[in-house]
Protein backbone atom coordinates (compact mmCIF):
# COMPACT_ATOMS: atom_id res chain seq x y z
CA TRP A 1 0.08 0.02 -0.13
CA ALA A 2 1.98 2.84 1.20
CA LYS A 3 5.34 1.54 0.38
CA GLY A 4 7.19 4.24 -1.60
CA ASP A 5 10.93 4.19 -0.83
CA GLY A 6 12.09 7.48 -2.46
CA THR A 7 13.68 5.74 -5.59
CA GLY A 8 12.44 8.20 -8.01
CA GLY A 9 9.15 8.70 -6.53
CA LEU A 10 7.62 9.38 -3.01
CA HIS A 11 8.49 8.00 0.49
CA ALA A 12 5.69 6.21 2.27
CA THR A 13 5.09 9.13 4.57
CA GLU A 14 4.56 11.49 1.44
CA VAL A 15 2.22 8.97 -0.17
CA GLY A 16 0.32 9.10 3.18
CA ASP A 17 0.40 12.87 3.26
CA ALA A 18 -0.90 13.03 -0.09
CA VAL A 19 -3.84 10.69 0.81
CA HIS A 20 -4.61 12.78 3.86
CA ARG A 21 -4.41 16.11 1.89
CA VAL A 22 -6.94 14.86 -0.74
CA LEU A 23 -9.28 13.23 1.96
CA GLU A 24 -9.29 16.88 3.50
CA LEU A 25 -11.16 18.19 0.33
CA VAL A 26 -13.71 15.25 0.19
CA ASP A 27 -17.25 16.34 1.29
CA LEU A 28 -18.03 14.18 4.13
CA ALA A 29 -21.76 14.61 3.80
CA ALA A 30 -21.36 13.15 0.16
CA PRO A 31 -18.17 11.39 -0.23
CA ALA A 32 -16.46 11.04 -3.67
CA PRO A 33 -12.97 11.64 -4.78
CA PRO A 34 -12.06 15.16 -6.02
CA ALA A 35 -12.38 15.30 -9.80
CA GLN A 36 -9.11 16.97 -10.17
CA LEU A 37 -7.04 14.42 -7.98
CA GLU A 38 -4.19 13.89 -10.20
CA ALA A 39 -3.54 17.55 -10.97
CA LEU A 40 -3.62 18.36 -7.15
CA VAL A 41 -1.41 15.51 -6.17
CA ARG A 42 1.11 16.42 -9.16
CA ASN A 43 0.86 20.01 -7.85
CA TRP A 44 1.92 18.94 -4.27
CA TYR A 45 4.53 16.24 -5.41
CA GLY A 46 6.08 16.74 -8.89
CA ASP A 47 8.13 13.57 -8.70
CA VAL A 48 4.98 11.51 -7.89
CA SER A 49 4.80 8.43 -10.25
CA THR A 50 1.80 7.04 -12.13
CA GLU A 51 1.71 3.98 -9.91
CA GLU A 52 1.73 6.25 -6.90
CA LEU A 53 -1.08 8.18 -8.06
CA GLU A 54 -2.89 5.21 -8.74
CA ARG A 55 -2.20 4.02 -5.10
CA ILE A 56 -3.22 7.36 -3.71
CA ALA A 57 -6.75 7.27 -5.83
CA ARG A 58 -7.42 3.92 -4.67
CA ALA A 59 -7.04 4.93 -1.03
CA VAL A 60 -9.06 7.97 -1.51
CA LEU A 61 -11.75 5.85 -3.28
CA ALA A 62 -11.37 3.15 -0.35
CA TYR A 63 -12.70 5.65 2.29
CA CYS A 64 -15.38 7.27 -0.07
CA SER A 65 -16.84 3.86 -0.91
CA SER A 66 -16.76 2.47 2.54
CA ASP A 67 -19.61 1.68 5.01
CA LEU A 68 -17.85 4.05 7.42
CA ALA A 69 -17.89 7.01 5.09
CA ARG A 70 -21.77 6.30 4.46
CA ARG A 71 -22.17 6.27 8.28
CA VAL A 72 -20.35 9.51 8.57
CA ALA A 73 -22.37 11.21 5.87
CA GLU A 74 -25.57 10.13 7.38
CA LEU A 75 -24.74 11.32 11.04
CA GLY A 76 -23.87 14.64 9.61
CA GLY A 77 -21.91 17.30 11.59
CA ALA A 78 -18.50 16.00 10.90
CA VAL A 79 -15.61 18.24 9.93
CA PRO A 80 -12.17 17.56 8.80
CA GLU A 81 -8.62 18.44 10.16
CA ARG A 82 -10.02 19.58 13.62
CA PRO A 83 -7.38 20.91 15.87
CA PHE A 84 -7.33 20.27 19.67
CA ALA A 85 -5.30 21.39 22.65
CA PHE A 86 -5.56 20.20 26.39
CA GLU A 87 -3.31 20.29 29.44
CA LEU A 88 -2.16 17.50 31.49
CA GLN A 89 0.31 17.43 34.39
CA GLY A 90 1.46 21.02 33.13
CA VAL A 91 2.12 19.51 29.61
CA LEU A 92 0.33 21.01 26.74
CA LEU A 93 -0.80 18.29 24.11
CA THR A 94 -1.69 19.75 20.81
CA GLY A 95 -2.61 17.82 17.36
CA ARG A 96 -5.25 17.54 14.76
CA LEU A 97 -8.02 15.00 14.32
CA ASP A 98 -8.49 13.69 10.73
CA VAL A 99 -12.41 13.79 11.20
CA LEU A 100 -14.45 14.96 14.13
CA ARG A 101 -18.19 15.01 14.77
CA LEU A 102 -19.12 16.31 18.16
CA VAL A 103 -22.73 16.69 18.64
CA ASP A 104 -24.91 16.88 21.65
CA GLY A 105 -21.96 15.49 23.85
CA GLU A 106 -21.12 12.49 21.39
CA ALA A 107 -17.85 12.57 19.69
CA LEU A 108 -16.78 10.35 16.77
CA VAL A 109 -12.92 10.56 15.84
CA LEU A 110 -12.00 9.14 12.45
CA ASP A 111 -8.35 8.46 11.78
CA TYR A 112 -7.29 7.32 8.53
CA LYS A 113 -4.19 4.94 7.90
CA THR A 114 -2.33 4.33 4.87
CA ASN A 115 0.15 1.83 6.67
CA ALA A 116 0.83 -1.54 4.63
CA LEU A 117 -0.83 -4.30 6.76
CA GLY A 118 1.36 -6.93 5.54
CA SER A 119 0.64 -10.17 7.80
CA SER A 120 -0.61 -8.16 10.79
CA SER A 121 -4.52 -7.20 11.19
CA PRO A 122 -5.59 -3.56 11.78
CA ILE A 123 -6.41 -4.42 15.31
CA GLU A 124 -2.79 -5.66 16.10
CA ILE A 125 -1.20 -2.54 14.50
CA VAL A 126 -3.70 -0.16 16.42
CA GLU A 127 -2.88 -1.86 20.05
CA ARG A 128 0.87 -2.04 19.14
CA ASP A 129 1.24 1.44 17.72
CA TYR A 130 -1.39 3.58 18.22
CA ARG A 131 -2.78 3.04 21.66
CA LEU A 132 -1.39 5.94 23.30
CA GLN A 133 -2.62 8.06 20.25
CA ARG A 134 -5.99 6.83 20.74
CA VAL A 135 -5.91 7.82 24.63
CA VAL A 136 -4.92 11.39 23.62
CA TYR A 137 -7.86 11.52 21.07
CA ALA A 138 -10.29 10.34 23.56
CA LEU A 139 -9.16 13.08 26.17
CA ALA A 140 -9.07 15.60 23.76
CA CYS A 141 -12.71 15.13 23.29
CA LEU A 142 -13.58 14.53 26.82
CA HIS A 143 -11.84 17.85 27.60
CA ALA A 144 -13.87 19.58 25.09
CA GLY A 145 -17.21 18.46 26.67
CA ALA A 146 -18.04 15.27 25.03
CA SER A 147 -19.79 12.66 27.40
CA ARG A 148 -19.08 9.76 25.03
CA VAL A 149 -16.24 9.41 22.55
CA GLU A 150 -15.85 6.91 19.82
CA VAL A 151 -12.46 6.69 18.26
CA ALA A 152 -12.24 4.59 14.98
CA TYR A 153 -9.22 3.66 13.02
CA GLN A 154 -9.64 3.00 9.36
CA PHE A 155 -6.64 1.23 7.38
CA LEU A 156 -7.43 2.16 3.84
CA GLU A 157 -5.92 -0.92 2.52
CA ARG A 158 -8.79 -2.76 4.39
CA PRO A 159 -11.52 0.17 4.81
CA ASP A 160 -14.41 -1.95 6.28
CA ASP A 161 -12.02 -3.67 9.12
CA VAL A 162 -12.55 -0.73 11.35
CA VAL A 163 -11.09 -0.83 14.77
CA SER A 164 -13.21 1.10 16.99
CA VAL A 165 -13.27 1.80 20.94
CA VAL A 166 -15.70 3.82 22.94
CA TYR A 167 -14.99 5.72 26.08
CA SER A 168 -17.18 7.73 28.26
CA THR A 169 -16.55 10.31 31.22
CA GLU A 170 -16.29 7.36 33.74
CA HIS A 171 -13.09 6.50 31.63
CA ARG A 172 -11.41 9.96 31.88
CA GLU A 173 -9.65 9.37 35.15
CA LEU A 174 -8.10 6.01 34.02
CA LEU A 175 -7.04 7.55 30.55
CA GLU A 176 -5.30 10.54 32.18
CA ARG A 177 -3.44 8.12 34.28
CA GLU A 178 -2.58 6.10 31.54
CA LEU A 179 -1.24 9.25 29.69
CA GLY A 180 0.17 10.65 32.87
CA ALA A 181 2.52 7.79 33.23
CA GLU A 182 3.97 8.15 29.72
CA LEU A 183 4.52 11.82 30.37
CA ASP A 184 6.43 10.86 33.60
CA ARG A 185 8.63 8.47 31.51
CA ILE A 186 9.40 11.01 28.91
CA ALA A 187 10.05 13.63 31.75
CA GLU A 188 12.65 11.16 33.12
CA GLY A 189 14.37 10.63 29.79
CA ASP A 190 13.13 7.18 29.23
CA PHE A 191 12.85 7.21 25.60
CA ARG A 192 12.13 3.66 24.15
CA PRO A 193 12.35 2.89 20.29
CA ASN A 194 9.31 1.85 18.55
CA PRO A 195 10.23 0.87 15.17
CA SER A 196 8.08 -0.10 12.30
CA ASP A 197 8.14 -0.18 8.26
CA TYR A 198 5.96 3.04 8.26
CA ALA A 199 7.87 4.95 11.13
CA CYS A 200 11.32 4.04 9.83
CA SER A 201 10.48 4.70 6.09
CA GLY A 202 12.90 6.94 4.39
CA CYS A 203 15.28 7.19 7.58
CA PRO A 204 19.07 7.42 6.36
CA ALA A 205 20.14 5.59 9.48
CA ARG A 206 18.03 2.40 8.59
CA ASP A 207 20.25 -0.71 8.19
CA VAL A 208 23.23 1.66 8.60
CA ILE A 209 23.64 2.61 12.09
CA CYS A 210 20.17 1.36 13.27
CA ALA A 211 18.17 -1.87 12.62
CA GLY A 212 15.18 -0.31 12.10
CA PRO A 213 11.98 -2.37 12.26
CA ARG A 214 14.17 -5.40 13.11
CA LEU A 215 14.62 -3.88 16.49
CA ALA A 216 11.15 -5.11 17.56
CA GLU A 217 12.61 -8.79 17.07
CA LEU A 218 15.16 -7.93 19.63
């Protein structure tokens, strides 16, 4: 899926960025790929290859034709690229949500993923690589006044295998403790590698001075 290696085209992170930028332009109430998708991507990335353009277009169409896209459209009120900020233990956490719907105290967060799944399932990747991100997203919505938050991860390689977890106000203290423990670890300088094909894509140190994704096997 997003496997660009930079040899004459794009890095995997650039392919993922292009997909996200196109999806920002999709009308969530009537999801369909933009008519000028190819021109848009070529304007952003002049070195994009035909194969990469096709991959990007497939990813965008994967969302637009998915059950989740239809659900978001039917619910109404969803907005793309919603910024958030909240404070915990004196640390300001900021970021952006790919899609947010917050209506009457109920929040739905959608996060698109362009990762290549390989032999892993979406739920395995979420639990391994995005558990803490999910906590942050949930807390961001709870701090914004939501009483119920659903955080959904959609891997565009397998768009209908959505990984979704629901939190409520009763989970807030537990989530803050979990995130607070990670903030304490960082403050103490305890930095642990979390390698993956996606995170290590394009890194000049990979297989030179760092084992990259193979660190996970050690």
